[in-house]
C-alpha atoms as a PDB file:
ATOM      1  CA  MET A   1     114.273  20.940 150.747  1.00  0.00           C
ATOM      2  CA  THR A   2     116.533  18.447 152.462  1.00  0.00           C
ATOM      3  CA  LEU A   3     120.221  17.809 151.955  1.00  0.00           C
ATOM      4  CA  GLY A   4     119.372  14.495 150.275  1.00  0.00           C
ATOM      5  CA  GLN A   5     117.093  16.248 147.795  1.00  0.00           C
ATOM      6  CA  ILE A   6     119.709  18.822 146.754  1.00  0.00           C
ATOM      7  CA  LYS A   7     122.284  16.049 146.341  1.00  0.00           C
ATOM      8  CA  LYS A   8     119.965  14.342 143.835  1.00  0.00           C
ATOM      9  CA  ILE A   9     119.354  17.564 141.868  1.00  0.00           C
ATOM     10  CA  LEU A  10     122.938  18.893 141.644  1.00  0.00           C
ATOM     11  CA  PRO A  11     124.351  16.188 139.286  1.00  0.00           C
ATOM     12  CA  GLU A  12     121.616  17.023 136.757  1.00  0.00           C
ATOM     13  CA  LEU A  13     122.432  20.756 136.537  1.00  0.00           C
ATOM     14  CA  SER A  14     124.644  22.348 133.900  1.00  0.00           C
ATOM     15  CA  THR A  15     124.525  25.729 135.696  1.00  0.00           C
ATOM     16  CA  LEU A  16     123.958  26.533 139.343  1.00  0.00           C
ATOM     17  CA  GLY A  17     121.580  29.383 140.085  1.00  0.00           C
ATOM     18  CA  PHE A  18     119.790  30.772 143.124  1.00  0.00           C
ATOM     19  CA  GLN A  19     116.959  33.263 143.061  1.00  0.00           C
ATOM     20  CA  LEU A  20     114.638  34.932 145.532  1.00  0.00           C
ATOM     21  CA  GLU A  21     110.881  34.348 145.513  1.00  0.00           C
ATOM     22  CA  ASN A  22     110.369  37.742 143.857  1.00  0.00           C
ATOM     23  CA  GLY A  23     112.370  36.528 140.836  1.00  0.00           C
ATOM     24  CA  THR A  24     115.564  38.464 141.626  1.00  0.00           C
ATOM     25  CA  PHE A  25     118.617  36.323 141.019  1.00  0.00           C
ATOM     26  CA  VAL A  26     121.523  35.975 143.413  1.00  0.00           C
ATOM     27  CA  PRO A  27     124.500  37.272 141.367  1.00  0.00           C
ATOM     28  CA  GLN A  28     126.156  34.437 139.432  1.00  0.00           C
ATOM     29  CA  HIS A  29     129.485  35.027 141.145  1.00  0.00           C
ATOM     30  CA  PHE A  30     128.161  33.946 144.577  1.00  0.00           C
ATOM     31  CA  HIS A  31     130.211  31.784 146.917  1.00  0.00           C
ATOM     32  CA  VAL A  32     128.951  29.170 149.352  1.00  0.00           C
ATOM     33  CA  THR A  33     131.175  30.209 152.244  1.00  0.00           C
ATOM     34  CA  GLU A  34     129.734  27.886 154.876  1.00  0.00           C
ATOM     35  CA  ILE A  35     127.841  24.650 155.175  1.00  0.00           C
ATOM     36  CA  GLY A  36     127.071  23.608 158.703  1.00  0.00           C
ATOM     37  CA  LYS A  37     124.665  21.988 161.082  1.00  0.00           C
ATOM     38  CA  VAL A  38     122.753  24.467 163.228  1.00  0.00           C
ATOM     39  CA  THR A  39     121.034  23.289 166.394  1.00  0.00           C
ATOM     40  CA  LYS A  40     118.496  25.493 168.119  1.00  0.00           C
ATOM     41  CA  ASN A  41     117.280  24.534 171.592  1.00  0.00           C
ATOM     42  CA  PHE A  42     114.524  26.769 172.904  1.00  0.00           C
ATOM     43  CA  ILE A  43     111.389  27.066 174.980  1.00  0.00           C
ATOM     44  CA  ASP A  44     108.218  28.290 173.327  1.00  0.00           C
ATOM     45  CA  CYS A  45     105.874  30.749 175.036  1.00  0.00           C
ATOM     46  CA  GLY A  46     103.838  27.839 176.400  1.00  0.00           C
ATOM     47  CA  GLY A  47     106.862  26.428 178.222  1.00  0.00           C
ATOM     48  CA  ALA A  48     107.489  23.443 175.907  1.00  0.00           C
ATOM     49  CA  VAL A  49     111.145  22.662 175.276  1.00  0.00           C
ATOM     50  CA  ARG A  50     111.882  22.374 171.563  1.00  0.00           C
ATOM     51  CA  ASN A  51     114.854  21.324 169.475  1.00  0.00           C
ATOM     52  CA  GLU A  52     115.404  22.197 165.825  1.00  0.00           C
ATOM     53  CA  GLU A  53     118.277  21.061 163.596  1.00  0.00           C
ATOM     54  CA  LYS A  54     118.967  22.313 160.091  1.00  0.00           C
ATOM     55  CA  VAL A  55     121.727  22.299 157.515  1.00  0.00           C
ATOM     56  CA  ASN A  56     122.844  25.865 156.912  1.00  0.00           C
ATOM     57  CA  PHE A  57     124.265  27.189 153.639  1.00  0.00           C
ATOM     58  CA  GLN A  58     125.702  30.696 153.590  1.00  0.00           C
ATOM     59  CA  LEU A  59     125.746  32.494 150.215  1.00  0.00           C
ATOM     60  CA  TRP A  60     128.160  35.389 149.913  1.00  0.00           C
ATOM     61  CA  ILE A  61     128.890  37.858 147.128  1.00  0.00           C
ATOM     62  CA  ALA A  62     132.464  39.034 146.639  1.00  0.00           C
ATOM     63  CA  ASP A  63     134.029  41.391 144.109  1.00  0.00           C
ATOM     64  CA  ASP A  64     135.395  38.509 141.992  1.00  0.00           C
ATOM     65  CA  GLU A  65     132.743  38.705 139.301  1.00  0.00           C
ATOM     66  CA  ASP A  66     134.429  36.021 137.170  1.00  0.00           C
ATOM     67  CA  HIS A  67     133.793  33.394 139.872  1.00  0.00           C
ATOM     68  CA  ARG A  68     131.205  30.699 139.042  1.00  0.00           C
ATOM     69  CA  LEU A  69     130.480  27.879 141.455  1.00  0.00           C
ATOM     70  CA  LYS A  70     129.701  24.676 139.590  1.00  0.00           C
ATOM     71  CA  ALA A  71     127.086  22.208 140.791  1.00  0.00           C
ATOM     72  CA  GLU A  72     129.738  19.490 141.014  1.00  0.00           C
ATOM     73  CA  LYS A  73     131.901  21.650 143.309  1.00  0.00           C
ATOM     74  CA  LEU A  74     128.937  22.382 145.599  1.00  0.00           C
ATOM     75  CA  LEU A  75     128.248  18.647 145.779  1.00  0.00           C
ATOM     76  CA  ASP A  76     131.893  18.114 146.816  1.00  0.00           C
ATOM     77  CA  ILE A  77     131.559  20.763 149.548  1.00  0.00           C
ATOM     78  CA  ILE A  78     128.373  19.074 150.789  1.00  0.00           C
ATOM     79  CA  ARG A  79     130.076  15.658 150.923  1.00  0.00           C
ATOM     80  CA  ILE A  80     133.047  17.056 152.865  1.00  0.00           C
ATOM     81  CA  SER A  81     130.642  18.753 155.292  1.00  0.00           C
ATOM     82  CA  GLU A  82     128.735  15.509 155.834  1.00  0.00           C
ATOM     83  CA  GLU A  83     131.954  13.622 156.468  1.00  0.00           C
ATOM     84  CA  LYS A  84     133.683  16.147 158.735  1.00  0.00           C
ATOM     85  CA  LEU A  85     130.631  17.401 160.652  1.00  0.00           C
ATOM     86  CA  GLY A  86     128.415  14.304 160.668  1.00  0.00           C
ATOM     87  CA  ILE A  87     125.581  16.167 158.975  1.00  0.00           C
ATOM     88  CA  GLU A  88     122.438  14.111 158.385  1.00  0.00           C
ATOM     89  CA  ASP A  89     119.658  14.516 155.838  1.00  0.00           C
ATOM     90  CA  LEU A  90     118.087  17.618 157.392  1.00  0.00           C
ATOM     91  CA  GLU A  91     116.109  20.569 156.017  1.00  0.00           C
ATOM     92  CA  ILE A  92     118.290  23.259 154.437  1.00  0.00           C
ATOM     93  CA  GLU A  93     118.212  26.873 155.539  1.00  0.00           C
ATOM     94  CA  VAL A  94     120.083  29.460 153.484  1.00  0.00           C
ATOM     95  CA  GLU A  95     121.636  32.678 154.795  1.00  0.00           C
ATOM     96  CA  TYR A  96     121.929  35.430 152.220  1.00  0.00           C
ATOM     97  CA  GLN A  97     122.867  39.089 152.654  1.00  0.00           C
ATOM     98  CA  GLY A  98     120.187  41.588 151.679  1.00  0.00           C
ATOM     99  CA  THR A  99     119.832  44.780 153.686  1.00  0.00           C
ATOM    100  CA  THR A 100     120.549  42.429 156.607  1.00  0.00           C
ATOM    101  CA  ILE A 101     121.306  38.717 156.762  1.00  0.00           C
ATOM    102  CA  GLY A 102     118.165  36.911 155.678  1.00  0.00           C
ATOM    103  CA  ARG A 103     117.307  33.319 156.464  1.00  0.00           C
ATOM    104  CA  TYR A 104     115.417  31.398 153.805  1.00  0.00           C
ATOM    105  CA  ASP A 105     114.028  27.948 153.149  1.00  0.00           C
ATOM    106  CA  LEU A 106     115.127  26.330 149.904  1.00  0.00           C
ATOM    107  CA  ASP A 107     113.051  25.031 146.993  1.00  0.00           C
ATOM    108  CA  PHE A 108     113.767  24.102 143.365  1.00  0.00           C
ATOM    109  CA  ASN A 109     111.705  25.320 140.398  1.00  0.00           C
ATOM    110  CA  GLY A 110     113.089  22.902 137.797  1.00  0.00           C
ATOM    111  CA  SER A 111     116.066  25.041 136.786  1.00  0.00           C
ATOM    112  CA  ASN A 112     117.100  27.197 139.776  1.00  0.00           C
ATOM    113  CA  PHE A 113     117.124  26.933 143.528  1.00  0.00           C
ATOM    114  CA  VAL A 114     114.661  29.371 145.081  1.00  0.00           C
ATOM    115  CA  LEU A 115     115.230  31.076 148.416  1.00  0.00           C
ATOM    116  CA  THR A 116     111.729  31.043 149.891  1.00  0.00           C
ATOM    117  CA  ASN A 117     110.646  33.466 152.583  1.00  0.00           C
ATOM    118  CA  LYS A 118     110.329  32.193 156.127  1.00  0.00           C
ATOM    119  CA  LEU A 119     107.550  33.301 158.459  1.00  0.00           C
ATOM    120  CA  THR A 120     107.424  33.520 162.228  1.00  0.00           C
ATOM    121  CA  ALA A 121     104.655  31.760 164.123  1.00  0.00           C
ATOM    122  CA  CYS A 122     103.548  31.095 167.668  1.00  0.00           C
ATOM    123  CA  LEU A 123     104.160  27.427 168.430  1.00  0.00           C
ATOM    124  CA  ALA A 124     101.912  27.410 171.505  1.00  0.00           C
ATOM    125  CA  GLN A 125      98.861  29.399 170.456  1.00  0.00           C
ATOM    126  CA  ASP A 126      96.614  27.578 172.931  1.00  0.00           C
ATOM    127  CA  SER A 127      98.905  28.685 175.811  1.00  0.00           C
ATOM    128  CA  CYS A 128      99.212  32.275 174.575  1.00  0.00           C
ATOM    129  CA  GLY A 129      95.540  33.116 174.533  1.00  0.00           C
ATOM    130  CA  ILE A 130      95.463  33.427 170.742  1.00  0.00           C
ATOM    131  CA  PRO A 131      91.970  32.391 169.652  1.00  0.00           C
ATOM    132  CA  PRO A 132      91.737  29.792 166.897  1.00  0.00           C
ATOM    133  CA  GLN A 133      91.081  31.242 163.471  1.00  0.00           C
ATOM    134  CA  LYS A 134      87.416  31.449 162.698  1.00  0.00           C
ATOM    135  CA  GLN A 135      86.277  29.442 159.752  1.00  0.00           C
ATOM    136  CA  LYS A 136      85.314  31.697 156.873  1.00  0.00           C
ATOM    137  CA  VAL A 137      81.964  30.758 155.375  1.00  0.00           C
ATOM    138  CA  ALA A 138      80.160  32.512 152.557  1.00  0.00           C
ATOM    139  CA  LEU A 139      76.685  33.774 153.466  1.00  0.00           C
ATOM    140  CA  SER A 140      75.297  31.898 150.480  1.00  0.00           C
ATOM    141  CA  GLU A 141      76.549  28.668 152.064  1.00  0.00           C
ATOM    142  CA  LEU A 142      74.796  29.454 155.352  1.00  0.00           C
ATOM    143  CA  THR A 143      71.405  29.750 153.661  1.00  0.00           C
ATOM    144  CA  LYS A 144      71.941  26.416 151.867  1.00  0.00           C
ATOM    145  CA  GLN A 145      72.684  24.715 155.192  1.00  0.00           C
ATOM    146  CA  ASN A 146      69.619  26.185 156.928  1.00  0.00           C
ATOM    147  CA  SER A 147      66.978  23.631 156.113  1.00  0.00           C
ATOM    148  CA  GLY A 148      63.669  25.501 156.316  1.00  0.00           C
ATOM    149  CA  CYS A 149      64.708  28.833 154.938  1.00  0.00           C
ATOM    150  CA  SER A 150      65.732  29.728 151.435  1.00  0.00           C
ATOM    151  CA  PRO A 151      66.116  33.074 149.722  1.00  0.00           C
ATOM    152  CA  GLY A 152      62.722  34.500 148.769  1.00  0.00           C
ATOM    153  CA  SER A 153      60.780  32.115 151.029  1.00  0.00           C
ATOM    154  CA  GLY A 154      59.761  34.869 153.435  1.00  0.00           C
ATOM    155  CA  CYS A 155      61.006  33.011 156.526  1.00  0.00           C
ATOM    156  CA  CYS A 156      63.575  35.665 157.474  1.00  0.00           C
END
């Protein structure tokens, strides 16, 4: 989800909720303690220089259980961040404290924002010696493609 997409959704919400992919909800008294632009410059294992920019939201849980962040207030925080930091319409990454600080992508399920799990990947598989994934084909498909041999024909 991009910053532009969340800005379109927020005015339509009466309550602001975040949940994990497993259905567990972030406690309702969460705070958004940071919004920033994160730039990552790196070299992949194949030697290619890469650059990644994201908007980062940090969700934090405090002991003030009566706190409720409204969608309108989050939109105000986003606008201030855009103005002060020059943030563009980039993909959003969310930091949220589990057993350690987790980094998540963001999606919307029609009523709540969903923190979706991120996966690592090799960006230069051809340089790493990782063979391409073999195409999985059902044996029944192989016999259909073999033009002179069909099951029960005695050719095998």
